[in-house]
Amino acid sequence: MNRTRRHILGVGLTALLLASASAAADSLYQELGERAGIERAVDAVLVEVKADKRIGDLFAETDFPYLRERLVEQICFLADGPCEYTGLSMEEAHSGMAISRREFNWFVEDVETGLNKAKIPLKAQNDLLARMAKLRGDVIGK
């Protein structure tokens, strides 16, 4: 291989490696705006949840400051941020509530509306909702 071809190949490989490193650096945590963005998003979600008459009964006795902190931790953790989730497991937290699929879906609608109002990018919303969806079975019908 001549020197020019090796140089071009080396430049191409370097560019590919830098592009890969840059893509990896843009974690979901960063896409959500790190801790401040997650807090803004959770605040917007909780405004929606509190106003939603369809699921208001589920939150009648909720300690919202406590819920806010646990949601921030949980989303930060799910987004591969530097947080540790200190709350109950989803199954424990929802035990005895008998949340229906419909109620769960209404909550997800409120989450989507809050994320939009917090101006979270659509890709980050979809990535977060996909990660949160894995917890669905621990919430519905418990």
N, C-alpha and C. Protein backbone atom coordinates (compact mmCIF):
# COMPACT_ATOMS: atom_id res chain seq x y z
N MET A 1 0.87 -1.17 0.00
CA MET A 1 0.00 0.00 0.00
C MET A 1 0.91 1.22 0.00
N ASN A 2 0.61 2.16 -0.90
CA ASN A 2 1.49 3.32 -0.95
C ASN A 2 1.20 4.29 0.20
N ARG A 3 2.11 5.20 0.36
CA ARG A 3 2.06 6.13 1.48
C ARG A 3 0.81 6.99 1.46
N THR A 4 0.35 7.45 0.32
CA THR A 4 -0.84 8.29 0.21
C THR A 4 -2.08 7.52 0.63
N ARG A 5 -2.19 6.26 0.18
CA ARG A 5 -3.34 5.44 0.56
C ARG A 5 -3.37 5.18 2.06
N ARG A 6 -2.20 4.92 2.63
CA ARG A 6 -2.14 4.69 4.08
C ARG A 6 -2.55 5.95 4.84
N HIS A 7 -2.14 7.10 4.35
CA HIS A 7 -2.49 8.37 4.99
C HIS A 7 -4.01 8.59 4.93
N ILE A 8 -4.59 8.35 3.76
CA ILE A 8 -6.04 8.52 3.60
C ILE A 8 -6.79 7.53 4.49
N LEU A 9 -6.34 6.28 4.51
CA LEU A 9 -6.96 5.28 5.36
C LEU A 9 -6.83 5.67 6.83
N GLY A 10 -5.68 6.16 7.23
CA GLY A 10 -5.46 6.59 8.63
C GLY A 10 -6.37 7.74 9.00
N VAL A 11 -6.49 8.72 8.11
CA VAL A 11 -7.38 9.86 8.37
C VAL A 11 -8.83 9.38 8.46
N GLY A 12 -9.22 8.49 7.57
CA GLY A 12 -10.59 7.96 7.59
C GLY A 12 -10.90 7.21 8.87
N LEU A 13 -9.98 6.35 9.30
CA LEU A 13 -10.17 5.60 10.55
C LEU A 13 -10.22 6.53 11.75
N THR A 14 -9.37 7.54 11.76
CA THR A 14 -9.38 8.51 12.86
C THR A 14 -10.72 9.23 12.92
N ALA A 15 -11.22 9.66 11.77
CA ALA A 15 -12.52 10.35 11.72
C ALA A 15 -13.64 9.44 12.21
N LEU A 16 -13.60 8.18 11.81
CA LEU A 16 -14.61 7.22 12.24
C LEU A 16 -14.56 7.02 13.75
N LEU A 17 -13.38 6.89 14.30
CA LEU A 17 -13.23 6.71 15.75
C LEU A 17 -13.71 7.94 16.51
N LEU A 18 -13.38 9.13 16.01
CA LEU A 18 -13.84 10.35 16.67
C LEU A 18 -15.36 10.48 16.60
N ALA A 19 -15.95 10.13 15.48
CA ALA A 19 -17.41 10.18 15.35
C ALA A 19 -18.07 9.20 16.30
N SER A 20 -17.50 8.01 16.43
CA SER A 20 -18.05 7.01 17.36
C SER A 20 -17.93 7.49 18.79
N ALA A 21 -16.81 8.07 19.14
CA ALA A 21 -16.61 8.56 20.51
C ALA A 21 -17.58 9.69 20.81
N SER A 22 -17.81 10.56 19.83
CA SER A 22 -18.74 11.68 20.02
C SER A 22 -20.15 11.17 20.22
N ALA A 23 -20.57 10.18 19.44
CA ALA A 23 -21.91 9.62 19.58
C ALA A 23 -22.07 8.95 20.93
N ALA A 24 -21.06 8.26 21.39
CA ALA A 24 -21.13 7.58 22.68
C ALA A 24 -21.19 8.59 23.82
N ALA A 25 -20.55 9.74 23.63
CA ALA A 25 -20.52 10.75 24.68
C ALA A 25 -21.89 11.39 24.89
N ASP A 26 -22.74 11.36 23.89
CA ASP A 26 -24.07 11.94 24.00
C ASP A 26 -25.02 10.93 24.62
N SER A 27 -24.87 10.73 25.92
CA SER A 27 -25.71 9.76 26.62
C SER A 27 -27.11 10.33 26.80
N LEU A 28 -28.03 9.45 27.13
CA LEU A 28 -29.40 9.90 27.39
C LEU A 28 -29.40 10.94 28.50
N TYR A 29 -28.60 10.73 29.52
CA TYR A 29 -28.49 11.69 30.62
C TYR A 29 -28.16 13.09 30.07
N GLN A 30 -27.22 13.16 29.17
CA GLN A 30 -26.85 14.45 28.57
C GLN A 30 -27.97 14.98 27.68
N GLU A 31 -28.60 14.09 26.91
CA GLU A 31 -29.68 14.52 26.02
C GLU A 31 -30.87 15.08 26.81
N LEU A 32 -31.06 14.58 28.03
CA LEU A 32 -32.14 15.09 28.88
C LEU A 32 -31.78 16.42 29.54
N GLY A 33 -30.54 16.84 29.41
CA GLY A 33 -30.11 18.09 30.02
C GLY A 33 -29.49 17.91 31.39
N GLU A 34 -29.00 16.69 31.62
CA GLU A 34 -28.37 16.32 32.88
C GLU A 34 -29.34 16.56 34.04
N ARG A 35 -28.84 16.75 35.22
CA ARG A 35 -29.70 16.84 36.42
C ARG A 35 -30.72 17.98 36.30
N ALA A 36 -30.28 19.14 35.84
CA ALA A 36 -31.19 20.30 35.74
C ALA A 36 -32.32 20.02 34.74
N GLY A 37 -32.00 19.39 33.63
CA GLY A 37 -33.03 19.07 32.64
C GLY A 37 -34.00 18.03 33.16
N ILE A 38 -33.48 17.05 33.89
CA ILE A 38 -34.35 16.01 34.46
C ILE A 38 -35.27 16.63 35.51
N GLU A 39 -34.74 17.51 36.34
CA GLU A 39 -35.58 18.18 37.35
C GLU A 39 -36.68 19.01 36.68
N ARG A 40 -36.31 19.73 35.63
CA ARG A 40 -37.30 20.53 34.88
C ARG A 40 -38.37 19.64 34.29
N ALA A 41 -37.96 18.50 33.74
CA ALA A 41 -38.91 17.56 33.14
C ALA A 41 -39.83 16.96 34.19
N VAL A 42 -39.28 16.54 35.33
CA VAL A 42 -40.09 15.96 36.39
C VAL A 42 -41.08 16.99 36.92
N ASP A 43 -40.65 18.22 37.10
CA ASP A 43 -41.57 19.26 37.55
C ASP A 43 -42.74 19.43 36.57
N ALA A 44 -42.44 19.41 35.28
CA ALA A 44 -43.49 19.56 34.27
C ALA A 44 -44.43 18.35 34.27
N VAL A 45 -43.87 17.17 34.45
CA VAL A 45 -44.68 15.95 34.51
C VAL A 45 -45.62 15.99 35.71
N LEU A 46 -45.09 16.40 36.85
CA LEU A 46 -45.92 16.43 38.06
C LEU A 46 -47.05 17.45 37.96
N VAL A 47 -46.83 18.55 37.26
CA VAL A 47 -47.91 19.50 37.02
C VAL A 47 -49.04 18.81 36.25
N GLU A 48 -48.67 18.04 35.24
CA GLU A 48 -49.67 17.32 34.44
C GLU A 48 -50.39 16.27 35.27
N VAL A 49 -49.64 15.52 36.05
CA VAL A 49 -50.23 14.45 36.87
C VAL A 49 -51.21 15.03 37.88
N LYS A 50 -50.81 16.11 38.55
CA LYS A 50 -51.68 16.73 39.55
C LYS A 50 -52.99 17.24 38.94
N ALA A 51 -52.92 17.70 37.71
CA ALA A 51 -54.09 18.27 37.05
C ALA A 51 -54.97 17.22 36.37
N ASP A 52 -54.49 16.00 36.25
CA ASP A 52 -55.20 14.96 35.51
C ASP A 52 -56.27 14.32 36.39
N LYS A 53 -57.51 14.67 36.15
CA LYS A 53 -58.62 14.15 36.94
C LYS A 53 -58.83 12.64 36.73
N ARG A 54 -58.33 12.11 35.63
CA ARG A 54 -58.49 10.68 35.35
C ARG A 54 -57.71 9.82 36.34
N ILE A 55 -56.59 10.32 36.83
CA ILE A 55 -55.76 9.53 37.74
C ILE A 55 -55.52 10.24 39.07
N GLY A 56 -56.23 11.31 39.31
CA GLY A 56 -56.04 12.09 40.53
C GLY A 56 -56.19 11.28 41.79
N ASP A 57 -57.12 10.33 41.81
CA ASP A 57 -57.33 9.51 43.00
C ASP A 57 -56.08 8.69 43.36
N LEU A 58 -55.33 8.30 42.36
CA LEU A 58 -54.12 7.51 42.61
C LEU A 58 -53.07 8.31 43.39
N PHE A 59 -53.16 9.63 43.29
CA PHE A 59 -52.16 10.50 43.91
C PHE A 59 -52.72 11.31 45.08
N ALA A 60 -53.92 10.93 45.55
CA ALA A 60 -54.61 11.70 46.59
C ALA A 60 -53.78 11.85 47.86
N GLU A 61 -53.03 10.85 48.24
CA GLU A 61 -52.26 10.90 49.48
C GLU A 61 -50.75 10.95 49.23
N THR A 62 -50.38 11.40 48.06
CA THR A 62 -48.97 11.41 47.66
C THR A 62 -48.20 12.55 48.31
N ASP A 63 -47.02 12.24 48.79
CA ASP A 63 -46.07 13.25 49.26
C ASP A 63 -45.29 13.69 48.03
N PHE A 64 -45.74 14.77 47.39
CA PHE A 64 -45.16 15.18 46.11
C PHE A 64 -43.68 15.57 46.19
N PRO A 65 -43.21 16.24 47.23
CA PRO A 65 -41.76 16.50 47.28
C PRO A 65 -40.94 15.20 47.30
N TYR A 66 -41.43 14.20 48.04
CA TYR A 66 -40.74 12.90 48.08
C TYR A 66 -40.81 12.23 46.69
N LEU A 67 -42.00 12.23 46.09
CA LEU A 67 -42.16 11.64 44.76
C LEU A 67 -41.26 12.33 43.76
N ARG A 68 -41.18 13.66 43.81
CA ARG A 68 -40.33 14.41 42.89
C ARG A 68 -38.88 13.94 42.99
N GLU A 69 -38.37 13.85 44.20
CA GLU A 69 -36.98 13.44 44.38
C GLU A 69 -36.73 12.02 43.88
N ARG A 70 -37.65 11.11 44.15
CA ARG A 70 -37.48 9.73 43.69
C ARG A 70 -37.56 9.66 42.17
N LEU A 71 -38.47 10.42 41.55
CA LEU A 71 -38.56 10.42 40.08
C LEU A 71 -37.29 10.98 39.45
N VAL A 72 -36.76 12.05 40.03
CA VAL A 72 -35.51 12.61 39.52
C VAL A 72 -34.40 11.56 39.60
N GLU A 73 -34.30 10.90 40.76
CA GLU A 73 -33.28 9.86 40.92
C GLU A 73 -33.48 8.73 39.92
N GLN A 74 -34.72 8.29 39.79
CA GLN A 74 -35.00 7.15 38.94
C GLN A 74 -34.71 7.45 37.47
N ILE A 75 -35.15 8.61 37.02
CA ILE A 75 -34.89 8.98 35.61
C ILE A 75 -33.40 9.17 35.39
N CYS A 76 -32.74 9.81 36.32
CA CYS A 76 -31.29 9.98 36.21
C CYS A 76 -30.59 8.62 36.13
N PHE A 77 -30.99 7.70 36.98
CA PHE A 77 -30.42 6.35 36.98
C PHE A 77 -30.73 5.63 35.66
N LEU A 78 -31.99 5.68 35.23
CA LEU A 78 -32.38 5.01 33.98
C LEU A 78 -31.65 5.58 32.78
N ALA A 79 -31.29 6.87 32.86
CA ALA A 79 -30.60 7.54 31.76
C ALA A 79 -29.09 7.39 31.84
N ASP A 80 -28.62 6.50 32.71
CA ASP A 80 -27.18 6.27 32.89
C ASP A 80 -26.45 7.48 33.44
N GLY A 81 -27.16 8.26 34.25
CA GLY A 81 -26.54 9.40 34.91
C GLY A 81 -25.86 8.96 36.19
N PRO A 82 -25.27 9.92 36.90
CA PRO A 82 -24.50 9.60 38.11
C PRO A 82 -25.35 9.53 39.37
N CYS A 83 -26.56 8.99 39.24
CA CYS A 83 -27.48 8.95 40.38
C CYS A 83 -27.73 7.52 40.83
N GLU A 84 -28.09 7.43 42.09
CA GLU A 84 -28.52 6.16 42.64
C GLU A 84 -29.98 6.32 43.02
N TYR A 85 -30.80 5.36 42.61
CA TYR A 85 -32.21 5.38 42.97
C TYR A 85 -32.35 4.83 44.38
N THR A 86 -32.94 5.62 45.29
CA THR A 86 -33.03 5.22 46.70
C THR A 86 -34.45 4.85 47.12
N GLY A 87 -35.38 4.87 46.18
CA GLY A 87 -36.77 4.57 46.52
C GLY A 87 -37.06 3.08 46.53
N LEU A 88 -38.32 2.78 46.76
CA LEU A 88 -38.79 1.40 46.73
C LEU A 88 -38.74 0.87 45.31
N SER A 89 -38.75 -0.44 45.18
CA SER A 89 -38.88 -1.02 43.84
C SER A 89 -40.26 -0.61 43.30
N MET A 90 -40.43 -0.65 42.01
CA MET A 90 -41.72 -0.27 41.44
C MET A 90 -42.84 -1.18 41.93
N GLU A 91 -42.54 -2.44 42.10
CA GLU A 91 -43.54 -3.38 42.59
C GLU A 91 -43.95 -3.03 44.02
N GLU A 92 -42.97 -2.72 44.87
CA GLU A 92 -43.28 -2.35 46.25
C GLU A 92 -44.04 -1.03 46.32
N ALA A 93 -43.61 -0.06 45.53
CA ALA A 93 -44.23 1.27 45.56
C ALA A 93 -45.68 1.24 45.10
N HIS A 94 -46.03 0.30 44.24
CA HIS A 94 -47.38 0.26 43.68
C HIS A 94 -48.22 -0.89 44.22
N SER A 95 -47.69 -1.60 45.19
CA SER A 95 -48.38 -2.74 45.78
C SER A 95 -49.71 -2.30 46.40
N GLY A 96 -50.76 -3.02 46.08
CA GLY A 96 -52.08 -2.72 46.63
C GLY A 96 -52.83 -1.64 45.91
N MET A 97 -52.23 -1.03 44.90
CA MET A 97 -52.90 0.07 44.18
C MET A 97 -53.78 -0.43 43.04
N ALA A 98 -53.54 -1.64 42.57
CA ALA A 98 -54.30 -2.23 41.47
C ALA A 98 -54.44 -1.27 40.28
N ILE A 99 -53.34 -0.69 39.87
CA ILE A 99 -53.34 0.25 38.74
C ILE A 99 -53.69 -0.51 37.46
N SER A 100 -54.64 0.03 36.74
CA SER A 100 -55.08 -0.60 35.49
C SER A 100 -54.18 -0.17 34.33
N ARG A 101 -54.27 -0.90 33.23
CA ARG A 101 -53.53 -0.52 32.02
C ARG A 101 -53.93 0.88 31.57
N ARG A 102 -55.22 1.15 31.65
CA ARG A 102 -55.73 2.47 31.24
C ARG A 102 -55.11 3.57 32.10
N GLU A 103 -55.10 3.37 33.42
CA GLU A 103 -54.51 4.37 34.31
C GLU A 103 -53.02 4.54 34.04
N PHE A 104 -52.34 3.44 33.81
CA PHE A 104 -50.92 3.50 33.49
C PHE A 104 -50.71 4.31 32.20
N ASN A 105 -51.53 4.05 31.20
CA ASN A 105 -51.41 4.76 29.93
C ASN A 105 -51.70 6.25 30.08
N TRP A 106 -52.65 6.59 30.94
CA TRP A 106 -52.92 8.00 31.19
C TRP A 106 -51.72 8.67 31.84
N PHE A 107 -51.08 7.95 32.75
CA PHE A 107 -49.87 8.49 33.37
C PHE A 107 -48.79 8.71 32.31
N VAL A 108 -48.63 7.75 31.40
CA VAL A 108 -47.63 7.90 30.33
C VAL A 108 -47.97 9.12 29.46
N GLU A 109 -49.25 9.34 29.19
CA GLU A 109 -49.65 10.54 28.43
C GLU A 109 -49.21 11.81 29.17
N ASP A 110 -49.39 11.82 30.48
CA ASP A 110 -48.96 12.98 31.28
C ASP A 110 -47.44 13.15 31.22
N VAL A 111 -46.73 12.03 31.25
CA VAL A 111 -45.26 12.09 31.14
C VAL A 111 -44.88 12.70 29.79
N GLU A 112 -45.49 12.23 28.72
CA GLU A 112 -45.18 12.75 27.38
C GLU A 112 -45.47 14.25 27.30
N THR A 113 -46.61 14.67 27.81
CA THR A 113 -46.97 16.09 27.79
C THR A 113 -45.95 16.91 28.58
N GLY A 114 -45.59 16.42 29.77
CA GLY A 114 -44.60 17.13 30.58
C GLY A 114 -43.24 17.21 29.90
N LEU A 115 -42.81 16.11 29.29
CA LEU A 115 -41.52 16.13 28.59
C LEU A 115 -41.54 17.12 27.43
N ASN A 116 -42.67 17.19 26.73
CA ASN A 116 -42.80 18.17 25.65
C ASN A 116 -42.74 19.58 26.18
N LYS A 117 -43.47 19.85 27.27
CA LYS A 117 -43.47 21.19 27.85
C LYS A 117 -42.10 21.58 28.39
N ALA A 118 -41.33 20.59 28.83
CA ALA A 118 -39.97 20.84 29.32
C ALA A 118 -38.97 20.94 28.16
N LYS A 119 -39.48 20.80 26.95
CA LYS A 119 -38.66 20.91 25.73
C LYS A 119 -37.55 19.86 25.66
N ILE A 120 -37.89 18.64 26.11
CA ILE A 120 -36.95 17.52 25.98
C ILE A 120 -37.03 17.05 24.53
N PRO A 121 -35.89 16.87 23.86
CA PRO A 121 -35.91 16.42 22.46
C PRO A 121 -36.64 15.08 22.29
N LEU A 122 -37.32 14.93 21.16
CA LEU A 122 -38.14 13.75 20.90
C LEU A 122 -37.34 12.46 21.01
N LYS A 123 -36.13 12.42 20.49
CA LYS A 123 -35.32 11.21 20.58
C LYS A 123 -35.07 10.84 22.04
N ALA A 124 -34.74 11.82 22.86
CA ALA A 124 -34.49 11.57 24.28
C ALA A 124 -35.78 11.10 24.96
N GLN A 125 -36.91 11.69 24.59
CA GLN A 125 -38.20 11.26 25.14
C GLN A 125 -38.43 9.78 24.82
N ASN A 126 -38.24 9.43 23.57
CA ASN A 126 -38.49 8.05 23.15
C ASN A 126 -37.54 7.08 23.86
N ASP A 127 -36.28 7.47 23.98
CA ASP A 127 -35.31 6.60 24.67
C ASP A 127 -35.69 6.43 26.14
N LEU A 128 -36.09 7.52 26.78
CA LEU A 128 -36.48 7.44 28.19
C LEU A 128 -37.74 6.60 28.35
N LEU A 129 -38.74 6.83 27.53
CA LEU A 129 -39.99 6.07 27.64
C LEU A 129 -39.75 4.58 27.39
N ALA A 130 -38.84 4.25 26.49
CA ALA A 130 -38.52 2.84 26.25
C ALA A 130 -37.90 2.21 27.49
N ARG A 131 -37.06 2.96 28.17
CA ARG A 131 -36.44 2.43 29.39
C ARG A 131 -37.46 2.32 30.52
N MET A 132 -38.35 3.30 30.60
CA MET A 132 -39.38 3.27 31.63
C MET A 132 -40.40 2.16 31.36
N ALA A 133 -40.63 1.85 30.10
CA ALA A 133 -41.62 0.82 29.73
C ALA A 133 -41.25 -0.54 30.32
N LYS A 134 -39.99 -0.77 30.55
CA LYS A 134 -39.55 -2.04 31.13
C LYS A 134 -40.08 -2.23 32.56
N LEU A 135 -40.49 -1.13 33.18
CA LEU A 135 -41.01 -1.19 34.56
C LEU A 135 -42.52 -1.41 34.60
N ARG A 136 -43.15 -1.39 33.46
CA ARG A 136 -44.62 -1.47 33.35
C ARG A 136 -45.20 -2.66 34.10
N GLY A 137 -44.59 -3.81 33.93
CA GLY A 137 -45.09 -5.03 34.57
C GLY A 137 -45.02 -5.01 36.08
N ASP A 138 -44.16 -4.12 36.62
CA ASP A 138 -44.03 -4.00 38.07
C ASP A 138 -45.04 -3.00 38.65
N VAL A 139 -45.81 -2.35 37.77
CA VAL A 139 -46.74 -1.31 38.21
C VAL A 139 -48.19 -1.75 38.03
N ILE A 140 -48.52 -2.28 36.87
CA ILE A 140 -49.91 -2.61 36.55
C ILE A 140 -50.39 -3.82 37.35
N GLY A 141 -51.56 -3.64 37.96
CA GLY A 141 -52.22 -4.74 38.64
C GLY A 141 -51.62 -5.17 39.97
N LYS A 142 -50.73 -4.42 40.51
CA LYS A 142 -50.07 -4.81 41.78
C LYS A 142 -50.90 -4.40 42.97
